[in-house]
N, C-alpha and C. Protein backbone atom coordinates (compact mmCIF):
# COMPACT_ATOMS: atom_id res chain seq x y z
N MET A 1 24.48 -6.05 -44.79
CA MET A 1 23.79 -6.50 -46.13
C MET A 1 23.79 -8.10 -46.16
N TYR A 2 22.63 -8.49 -46.45
CA TYR A 2 22.61 -9.92 -46.69
C TYR A 2 23.31 -10.48 -47.79
N MET A 3 23.98 -11.55 -47.64
CA MET A 3 24.83 -12.13 -48.64
C MET A 3 24.93 -13.65 -48.64
N LYS A 4 24.79 -14.13 -49.89
CA LYS A 4 24.89 -15.64 -50.00
C LYS A 4 25.96 -15.92 -51.06
N GLU A 5 26.81 -16.94 -50.71
CA GLU A 5 27.89 -17.42 -51.67
C GLU A 5 27.35 -18.67 -52.40
N PHE A 6 27.88 -18.66 -53.71
CA PHE A 6 27.49 -19.86 -54.61
C PHE A 6 28.80 -20.26 -55.27
N GLU A 7 28.85 -21.50 -55.69
CA GLU A 7 29.73 -21.94 -56.69
C GLU A 7 29.01 -22.20 -57.95
N ILE A 8 29.66 -21.65 -59.13
CA ILE A 8 28.97 -21.69 -60.38
C ILE A 8 29.21 -23.23 -60.78
N ARG A 9 28.05 -23.81 -61.08
CA ARG A 9 28.17 -25.20 -61.56
C ARG A 9 28.06 -25.29 -63.09
N TRP A 10 28.40 -26.40 -63.56
CA TRP A 10 28.32 -26.61 -65.01
C TRP A 10 26.95 -26.31 -65.56
N SER A 11 25.98 -26.77 -64.79
CA SER A 11 24.57 -26.56 -65.49
C SER A 11 24.16 -25.09 -65.28
N ASP A 12 24.96 -24.20 -64.66
CA ASP A 12 24.72 -22.81 -64.65
C ASP A 12 25.27 -21.94 -65.93
N ILE A 13 25.94 -22.76 -66.82
CA ILE A 13 26.58 -22.16 -67.92
C ILE A 13 25.78 -22.41 -69.13
N ASP A 14 25.80 -21.47 -70.02
CA ASP A 14 25.00 -21.51 -71.31
C ASP A 14 25.96 -21.76 -72.45
N ALA A 15 25.53 -21.78 -73.79
CA ALA A 15 26.11 -22.11 -74.92
C ALA A 15 27.41 -21.03 -75.04
N ASN A 16 27.55 -19.94 -74.63
CA ASN A 16 28.56 -19.01 -74.70
C ASN A 16 29.74 -19.32 -73.49
N ARG A 17 29.38 -20.32 -72.68
CA ARG A 17 30.36 -20.81 -71.73
C ARG A 17 30.40 -19.79 -70.54
N HIS A 18 29.42 -18.93 -70.32
CA HIS A 18 29.36 -18.09 -69.33
C HIS A 18 28.03 -18.25 -68.48
N LEU A 19 27.86 -17.60 -67.31
CA LEU A 19 26.80 -17.69 -66.50
C LEU A 19 25.54 -17.41 -67.36
N ALA A 20 24.55 -18.29 -67.45
CA ALA A 20 23.19 -18.18 -68.12
C ALA A 20 22.36 -17.18 -67.48
N ASN A 21 21.50 -16.59 -68.21
CA ASN A 21 20.60 -15.63 -67.79
C ASN A 21 19.77 -16.35 -66.68
N SER A 22 19.32 -17.50 -67.00
CA SER A 22 18.36 -18.29 -65.99
C SER A 22 19.07 -18.49 -64.74
N ALA A 23 20.38 -18.69 -64.78
CA ALA A 23 21.19 -18.97 -63.51
C ALA A 23 21.09 -17.67 -62.53
N TYR A 24 21.13 -16.50 -63.19
CA TYR A 24 21.06 -15.30 -62.39
C TYR A 24 19.69 -15.25 -61.62
N ILE A 25 18.65 -15.55 -62.28
CA ILE A 25 17.34 -15.62 -61.82
C ILE A 25 17.20 -16.64 -60.59
N ASN A 26 17.84 -17.84 -60.82
CA ASN A 26 17.85 -18.87 -59.77
C ASN A 26 18.67 -18.56 -58.53
N LEU A 27 19.84 -17.91 -58.83
CA LEU A 27 20.64 -17.54 -57.75
C LEU A 27 20.04 -16.45 -56.75
N MET A 28 19.52 -15.54 -57.43
CA MET A 28 18.64 -14.49 -56.79
C MET A 28 17.41 -14.95 -55.94
N SER A 29 16.66 -15.81 -56.51
CA SER A 29 15.69 -16.60 -55.84
C SER A 29 16.20 -17.22 -54.43
N HIS A 30 17.34 -18.00 -54.78
CA HIS A 30 17.68 -18.67 -53.60
C HIS A 30 18.31 -17.90 -52.61
N THR A 31 18.86 -16.65 -52.84
CA THR A 31 19.34 -15.71 -52.00
C THR A 31 18.12 -15.11 -51.05
N ARG A 32 16.90 -14.84 -51.79
CA ARG A 32 15.82 -14.27 -51.07
C ARG A 32 15.19 -15.25 -50.22
N MET A 33 15.26 -16.59 -50.67
CA MET A 33 14.57 -17.63 -49.83
C MET A 33 15.48 -17.95 -48.67
N GLY A 34 16.77 -17.70 -48.76
CA GLY A 34 17.75 -17.92 -47.70
C GLY A 34 17.52 -16.84 -46.67
N PHE A 35 17.24 -15.60 -47.14
CA PHE A 35 16.95 -14.59 -46.19
C PHE A 35 15.68 -14.83 -45.35
N PHE A 36 14.59 -15.27 -46.06
CA PHE A 36 13.42 -15.46 -45.51
C PHE A 36 13.46 -16.44 -44.42
N ILE A 37 14.12 -17.68 -44.85
CA ILE A 37 14.28 -18.83 -43.94
C ILE A 37 14.98 -18.50 -42.66
N GLU A 38 16.09 -17.72 -42.90
CA GLU A 38 16.94 -17.25 -41.94
C GLU A 38 16.12 -16.32 -40.81
N ASN A 39 15.09 -15.69 -41.27
CA ASN A 39 14.44 -14.68 -40.54
C ASN A 39 12.97 -15.08 -40.29
N GLY A 40 12.64 -16.32 -40.14
CA GLY A 40 11.39 -16.81 -39.76
C GLY A 40 10.29 -16.76 -40.63
N ILE A 41 10.63 -16.62 -42.04
CA ILE A 41 9.58 -16.61 -42.93
C ILE A 41 9.83 -17.92 -43.91
N ASP A 42 9.89 -19.02 -43.24
CA ASP A 42 10.10 -20.21 -43.86
C ASP A 42 8.80 -21.00 -44.51
N GLN A 43 8.99 -22.14 -45.13
CA GLN A 43 7.78 -22.62 -45.79
C GLN A 43 6.61 -23.02 -44.70
N HIS A 44 6.92 -23.36 -43.54
CA HIS A 44 6.04 -23.67 -42.45
C HIS A 44 5.19 -22.36 -42.21
N GLU A 45 5.91 -21.17 -42.01
CA GLU A 45 5.16 -19.97 -41.69
C GLU A 45 4.31 -19.44 -42.79
N MET A 46 4.94 -19.63 -44.08
CA MET A 46 4.06 -19.19 -45.22
C MET A 46 2.78 -20.01 -45.49
N ALA A 47 2.92 -21.44 -45.02
CA ALA A 47 1.81 -22.39 -45.08
C ALA A 47 0.67 -21.92 -44.11
N LYS A 48 1.31 -21.43 -43.02
CA LYS A 48 0.43 -21.25 -41.84
C LYS A 48 -0.54 -19.99 -42.30
N TYR A 49 0.05 -19.03 -42.88
CA TYR A 49 -0.67 -17.88 -43.36
C TYR A 49 -1.24 -18.04 -44.71
N ASN A 50 -0.97 -19.09 -45.41
CA ASN A 50 -1.30 -19.51 -46.72
C ASN A 50 -1.00 -18.35 -47.91
N ILE A 51 0.50 -18.01 -47.71
CA ILE A 51 0.80 -16.93 -48.64
C ILE A 51 2.13 -17.44 -49.32
N SER A 52 2.45 -16.67 -50.18
CA SER A 52 3.67 -16.95 -50.92
C SER A 52 4.11 -15.59 -51.68
N PRO A 53 5.46 -15.45 -51.85
CA PRO A 53 5.82 -14.33 -52.60
C PRO A 53 5.73 -14.58 -54.09
N VAL A 54 5.42 -13.65 -54.84
CA VAL A 54 5.35 -13.58 -56.45
C VAL A 54 6.27 -12.58 -57.01
N VAL A 55 6.77 -12.57 -58.20
CA VAL A 55 7.42 -11.65 -58.91
C VAL A 55 6.88 -10.90 -59.81
N PHE A 56 6.84 -9.74 -59.93
CA PHE A 56 6.29 -8.68 -60.96
C PHE A 56 7.30 -8.55 -62.09
N TYR A 57 8.53 -8.34 -61.79
CA TYR A 57 9.49 -8.15 -62.71
C TYR A 57 11.03 -8.28 -62.11
N GLU A 58 12.04 -8.55 -62.83
CA GLU A 58 13.41 -8.63 -62.41
C GLU A 58 14.14 -7.81 -63.64
N HIS A 59 14.67 -6.80 -63.37
CA HIS A 59 15.51 -6.10 -64.38
C HIS A 59 16.90 -6.37 -63.96
N VAL A 60 17.61 -7.05 -64.86
CA VAL A 60 18.81 -7.44 -64.52
C VAL A 60 20.01 -6.68 -65.58
N TYR A 61 20.94 -6.14 -64.96
CA TYR A 61 22.09 -5.32 -65.72
C TYR A 61 23.26 -6.18 -65.58
N TYR A 62 23.86 -6.67 -66.73
CA TYR A 62 24.98 -7.49 -66.75
C TYR A 62 26.19 -6.31 -67.10
N PHE A 63 27.18 -6.47 -66.32
CA PHE A 63 28.38 -5.64 -66.44
C PHE A 63 29.66 -6.41 -66.96
N LYS A 64 29.73 -7.71 -66.64
CA LYS A 64 30.98 -8.43 -67.09
C LYS A 64 30.48 -10.11 -67.03
N GLU A 65 31.18 -10.67 -67.84
CA GLU A 65 30.98 -12.24 -67.87
C GLU A 65 31.53 -12.79 -66.61
N VAL A 66 30.92 -13.99 -66.28
CA VAL A 66 31.34 -14.90 -65.24
C VAL A 66 31.43 -16.21 -65.67
N PHE A 67 32.38 -17.05 -65.29
CA PHE A 67 32.70 -18.32 -65.82
C PHE A 67 32.68 -19.47 -64.60
N VAL A 68 32.56 -20.60 -65.03
CA VAL A 68 32.35 -21.69 -64.03
C VAL A 68 33.88 -21.91 -63.39
N GLY A 69 33.69 -22.38 -62.07
CA GLY A 69 34.84 -22.59 -61.30
C GLY A 69 35.25 -21.63 -60.16
N LYS A 70 34.62 -20.44 -60.15
CA LYS A 70 34.90 -19.44 -59.17
C LYS A 70 33.74 -19.14 -58.44
N PRO A 71 33.86 -18.93 -56.99
CA PRO A 71 32.66 -18.54 -56.24
C PRO A 71 32.10 -17.14 -56.61
N VAL A 72 30.91 -17.02 -56.32
CA VAL A 72 30.26 -15.64 -56.58
C VAL A 72 29.38 -15.39 -55.42
N ARG A 73 29.11 -14.23 -55.08
CA ARG A 73 28.23 -13.84 -53.90
C ARG A 73 27.14 -12.87 -54.46
N VAL A 74 26.03 -13.12 -53.87
CA VAL A 74 24.78 -12.52 -54.36
C VAL A 74 24.34 -11.71 -52.98
N SER A 75 24.06 -10.29 -53.17
CA SER A 75 23.56 -9.55 -52.09
C SER A 75 22.09 -9.34 -52.17
N LEU A 76 21.50 -8.93 -51.10
CA LEU A 76 20.03 -8.71 -51.04
C LEU A 76 19.95 -7.52 -50.13
N GLN A 77 19.18 -6.52 -50.59
CA GLN A 77 18.81 -5.33 -49.88
C GLN A 77 17.20 -4.92 -50.29
N LEU A 78 16.70 -4.22 -49.20
CA LEU A 78 15.39 -3.86 -49.50
C LEU A 78 15.32 -2.51 -49.99
N LYS A 79 14.84 -2.33 -51.26
CA LYS A 79 14.82 -1.18 -51.97
C LYS A 79 13.45 -0.30 -51.68
N GLY A 80 12.42 -1.07 -51.32
CA GLY A 80 11.05 -0.46 -51.00
C GLY A 80 10.08 -1.49 -50.37
N VAL A 81 9.12 -0.87 -49.74
CA VAL A 81 8.00 -1.84 -49.34
C VAL A 81 6.84 -1.00 -49.00
N SER A 82 5.64 -1.46 -49.27
CA SER A 82 4.47 -0.80 -48.79
C SER A 82 4.17 -0.93 -47.43
N GLU A 83 3.35 -0.12 -46.80
CA GLU A 83 3.00 0.09 -45.38
C GLU A 83 2.49 -1.33 -44.75
N ASP A 84 1.77 -2.00 -45.66
CA ASP A 84 1.26 -3.29 -45.17
C ASP A 84 2.04 -4.46 -45.64
N GLY A 85 3.27 -4.20 -46.32
CA GLY A 85 4.24 -5.32 -46.79
C GLY A 85 3.63 -6.05 -47.98
N MET A 86 2.50 -5.60 -48.65
CA MET A 86 2.03 -6.37 -49.72
C MET A 86 3.07 -6.22 -50.97
N TYR A 87 3.47 -5.04 -51.12
CA TYR A 87 4.43 -4.82 -52.29
C TYR A 87 6.00 -4.72 -51.72
N PHE A 88 6.81 -5.26 -52.41
CA PHE A 88 8.18 -5.05 -52.10
C PHE A 88 9.11 -4.98 -53.19
N GLU A 89 10.30 -4.36 -53.06
CA GLU A 89 11.20 -4.24 -54.11
C GLU A 89 12.66 -4.47 -53.54
N PHE A 90 13.40 -5.32 -54.20
CA PHE A 90 14.66 -5.84 -53.71
C PHE A 90 15.78 -5.29 -54.67
N LEU A 91 16.89 -5.17 -54.23
CA LEU A 91 18.13 -4.85 -54.99
C LEU A 91 19.09 -6.09 -54.75
N HIS A 92 19.49 -6.78 -55.72
CA HIS A 92 20.60 -7.72 -55.73
C HIS A 92 21.73 -7.21 -56.47
N ASN A 93 22.88 -7.59 -55.98
CA ASN A 93 24.16 -7.22 -56.61
C ASN A 93 24.99 -8.71 -56.65
N PHE A 94 25.77 -8.96 -57.75
CA PHE A 94 26.53 -10.09 -58.03
C PHE A 94 27.96 -9.63 -58.04
N TYR A 95 28.75 -10.42 -57.14
CA TYR A 95 30.14 -10.17 -57.04
C TYR A 95 31.03 -11.36 -57.26
N ASP A 96 32.17 -11.11 -57.84
CA ASP A 96 33.08 -12.28 -58.11
C ASP A 96 33.93 -12.47 -56.84
N ALA A 97 34.87 -13.55 -57.10
CA ALA A 97 35.65 -13.96 -55.87
C ALA A 97 36.59 -12.73 -55.27
N ASN A 98 36.84 -11.65 -56.25
CA ASN A 98 37.46 -10.48 -55.96
C ASN A 98 36.79 -9.48 -55.39
N GLY A 99 35.30 -9.69 -55.30
CA GLY A 99 34.53 -8.49 -54.82
C GLY A 99 34.07 -7.51 -55.93
N LYS A 100 34.39 -7.78 -57.20
CA LYS A 100 34.03 -6.96 -58.20
C LYS A 100 32.58 -7.17 -58.56
N ASN A 101 31.84 -6.19 -58.70
CA ASN A 101 30.42 -6.25 -59.09
C ASN A 101 30.39 -6.54 -60.51
N PHE A 102 29.76 -7.65 -60.84
CA PHE A 102 29.57 -8.07 -62.40
C PHE A 102 28.08 -8.06 -62.84
N ALA A 103 27.04 -7.76 -61.90
CA ALA A 103 25.80 -7.54 -62.43
C ALA A 103 24.92 -7.08 -61.30
N SER A 104 23.73 -6.53 -61.62
CA SER A 104 22.88 -5.93 -60.66
C SER A 104 21.43 -6.14 -61.01
N CYS A 105 20.53 -6.28 -60.17
CA CYS A 105 19.07 -6.64 -60.61
C CYS A 105 18.15 -5.82 -59.56
N GLU A 106 17.20 -5.16 -60.15
CA GLU A 106 16.10 -4.50 -59.30
C GLU A 106 14.76 -5.45 -59.66
N MET A 107 14.40 -5.94 -58.49
CA MET A 107 13.17 -6.92 -58.59
C MET A 107 12.12 -6.31 -57.63
N MET A 108 10.77 -6.49 -58.35
CA MET A 108 9.73 -6.04 -57.41
C MET A 108 8.70 -7.30 -57.46
N GLY A 109 7.93 -7.42 -56.30
CA GLY A 109 7.01 -8.47 -56.12
C GLY A 109 5.94 -8.15 -55.17
N ALA A 110 5.23 -9.13 -54.75
CA ALA A 110 4.27 -8.99 -53.81
C ALA A 110 3.99 -10.31 -53.11
N TRP A 111 2.95 -10.22 -52.05
CA TRP A 111 2.64 -11.40 -51.41
C TRP A 111 1.26 -11.86 -51.97
N ILE A 112 1.01 -13.05 -52.17
CA ILE A 112 -0.38 -13.57 -52.64
C ILE A 112 -0.99 -14.59 -51.67
N ASP A 113 -2.12 -14.44 -51.48
CA ASP A 113 -2.92 -15.37 -50.81
C ASP A 113 -3.23 -16.59 -51.66
N LEU A 114 -2.68 -17.78 -51.35
CA LEU A 114 -2.74 -19.05 -52.14
C LEU A 114 -4.11 -19.56 -52.34
N LYS A 115 -4.96 -19.21 -51.47
CA LYS A 115 -6.46 -19.79 -51.59
C LYS A 115 -7.15 -18.76 -52.34
N GLU A 116 -7.20 -17.52 -52.02
CA GLU A 116 -8.03 -16.51 -52.70
C GLU A 116 -7.42 -16.00 -53.97
N ARG A 117 -6.16 -16.37 -54.19
CA ARG A 117 -5.41 -16.02 -55.49
C ARG A 117 -5.37 -14.53 -55.67
N LYS A 118 -5.21 -13.75 -54.53
CA LYS A 118 -5.26 -12.23 -54.69
C LYS A 118 -4.08 -11.81 -53.81
N LEU A 119 -3.52 -10.59 -54.11
CA LEU A 119 -2.50 -10.19 -53.44
C LEU A 119 -2.89 -9.77 -51.98
N THR A 120 -2.06 -9.91 -51.00
CA THR A 120 -2.25 -9.70 -49.65
C THR A 120 -1.19 -8.98 -48.95
N GLY A 121 -1.33 -8.34 -47.83
CA GLY A 121 -0.56 -7.76 -47.12
C GLY A 121 0.27 -8.87 -46.29
N LEU A 122 1.58 -8.58 -45.93
CA LEU A 122 2.31 -9.56 -45.00
C LEU A 122 1.77 -9.47 -43.59
N PRO A 123 1.52 -10.51 -43.08
CA PRO A 123 1.13 -10.58 -41.50
C PRO A 123 2.07 -9.86 -40.71
N LYS A 124 1.62 -9.06 -39.70
CA LYS A 124 2.33 -8.32 -38.80
C LYS A 124 3.58 -9.05 -38.18
N GLU A 125 3.30 -10.14 -37.82
CA GLU A 125 4.35 -11.10 -37.33
C GLU A 125 5.53 -11.31 -38.27
N LEU A 126 5.23 -11.49 -39.44
CA LEU A 126 6.38 -11.70 -40.43
C LEU A 126 6.87 -10.38 -41.02
N TYR A 127 6.18 -9.29 -40.97
CA TYR A 127 6.52 -8.00 -41.62
C TYR A 127 7.78 -7.54 -40.58
N ALA A 128 7.61 -7.82 -39.34
CA ALA A 128 8.79 -7.37 -38.44
C ALA A 128 10.28 -8.05 -38.78
N ASN A 129 10.00 -9.22 -39.17
CA ASN A 129 11.30 -10.02 -39.63
C ASN A 129 11.66 -9.60 -41.01
N PHE A 130 10.75 -9.31 -41.89
CA PHE A 130 10.99 -8.91 -43.23
C PHE A 130 11.67 -7.54 -43.28
N SER A 131 11.30 -6.66 -42.44
CA SER A 131 11.80 -5.34 -42.43
C SER A 131 13.08 -5.26 -41.82
N LYS A 132 13.75 -6.37 -41.21
CA LYS A 132 15.01 -6.26 -40.75
C LYS A 132 16.08 -6.24 -41.87
N LEU A 133 15.75 -6.55 -43.02
CA LEU A 133 16.59 -6.49 -44.22
C LEU A 133 17.22 -5.00 -44.28
N GLU A 134 18.45 -4.94 -44.62
CA GLU A 134 19.18 -3.67 -44.81
C GLU A 134 18.55 -2.92 -45.91
N HIS A 135 18.28 -1.57 -45.73
CA HIS A 135 17.61 -0.81 -46.84
C HIS A 135 18.68 -0.14 -47.81
N THR A 136 18.46 -0.06 -48.95
CA THR A 136 19.25 0.65 -49.86
C THR A 136 19.18 2.26 -49.58
N ASP A 137 20.20 2.87 -50.15
CA ASP A 137 20.26 4.56 -49.86
C ASP A 137 18.95 5.12 -50.33
N ASP A 138 18.39 4.58 -51.48
CA ASP A 138 17.27 5.17 -52.00
C ASP A 138 15.89 4.45 -51.62
N PHE A 139 15.86 3.92 -50.53
CA PHE A 139 14.67 3.01 -50.08
C PHE A 139 13.52 4.07 -50.15
N GLN A 140 12.16 3.45 -50.54
CA GLN A 140 11.10 4.34 -50.56
C GLN A 140 9.96 3.48 -50.15
N LEU A 141 8.93 4.12 -49.55
CA LEU A 141 7.64 3.53 -49.34
C LEU A 141 6.83 3.25 -50.52
N LEU A 142 6.49 2.00 -50.84
CA LEU A 142 5.73 1.69 -51.96
C LEU A 142 4.28 1.84 -51.92
N THR A 143 3.51 2.13 -53.12
CA THR A 143 2.31 2.16 -53.28
C THR A 143 1.79 1.27 -54.56
N LYS A 144 0.62 1.07 -54.63
CA LYS A 144 0.11 0.39 -55.78
C LYS A 144 0.67 0.96 -57.24
N GLU A 145 0.65 2.35 -57.18
CA GLU A 145 1.15 2.97 -58.33
C GLU A 145 2.69 2.72 -58.72
N HIS A 146 3.47 2.37 -57.72
CA HIS A 146 4.76 1.91 -58.18
C HIS A 146 4.84 0.70 -58.97
N THR A 147 3.84 -0.14 -58.82
CA THR A 147 3.87 -1.49 -59.56
C THR A 147 3.50 -1.27 -61.08
N ARG A 148 2.98 0.05 -61.20
CA ARG A 148 2.38 0.51 -62.61
C ARG A 148 3.41 1.42 -63.38
N ARG A 149 4.51 1.61 -62.73
CA ARG A 149 5.38 2.92 -63.10
C ARG A 149 5.90 2.83 -64.58
N PHE A 150 6.06 1.55 -65.14
CA PHE A 150 6.55 1.18 -66.36
C PHE A 150 5.51 1.33 -67.40
N GLY A 151 4.21 1.33 -67.01
CA GLY A 151 3.03 1.49 -68.03
C GLY A 151 2.86 0.24 -68.88
N LYS A 152 3.33 -0.93 -68.54
CA LYS A 152 3.02 -2.05 -69.18
C LYS A 152 1.67 -2.82 -68.81
N LYS A 153 1.05 -3.08 -69.90
CA LYS A 153 -0.42 -3.66 -69.80
C LYS A 153 -0.43 -4.90 -70.86
N PRO A 154 -1.19 -5.86 -70.47
CA PRO A 154 -1.33 -7.04 -71.47
C PRO A 154 -1.94 -6.46 -72.76
N LYS A 155 -1.56 -7.22 -73.96
CA LYS A 155 -2.11 -6.91 -75.21
C LYS A 155 -2.40 -8.21 -75.80
N ASP A 156 -3.83 -8.53 -75.65
CA ASP A 156 -4.33 -9.86 -76.23
C ASP A 156 -4.12 -9.96 -77.75
N LEU A 157 -4.15 -11.09 -78.28
CA LEU A 157 -4.16 -11.45 -79.76
C LEU A 157 -5.43 -11.08 -80.39
N ILE A 158 -6.50 -11.25 -79.73
CA ILE A 158 -7.79 -11.05 -80.31
C ILE A 158 -8.40 -9.63 -79.94
């Protein structure tokens, strides 16, 4: 399982003096980018193909408070991916210095072509590295329908 360790900084703490919601999002993003970079999907490669990952949702589940001064670890596993690599779903778990799980997150996203501003499949050269990530026990092959499973649609004011 891919894992990254972090020190909780003063700027990661909110008014309740525990790890802020936004810090969880930043730590997960940093963990994902760490995996990408270490597996040949760095800024240079993304620029070569004119692609970037985008987030559809992040469902975070908080189990216990975490405070400044102790190291934390954030894991990353592949929960699902489409055949062309366009859609992906990750599972993140957060662990304290004693290995206790204090939060979890299911995240879904896709790859976007930065010129066309449309979703695109992951190039085969990068897909091979992407799929090296350890799979969850409930890993599944994703389709476009998986991105709509919660039935959320925009509701304009007008």
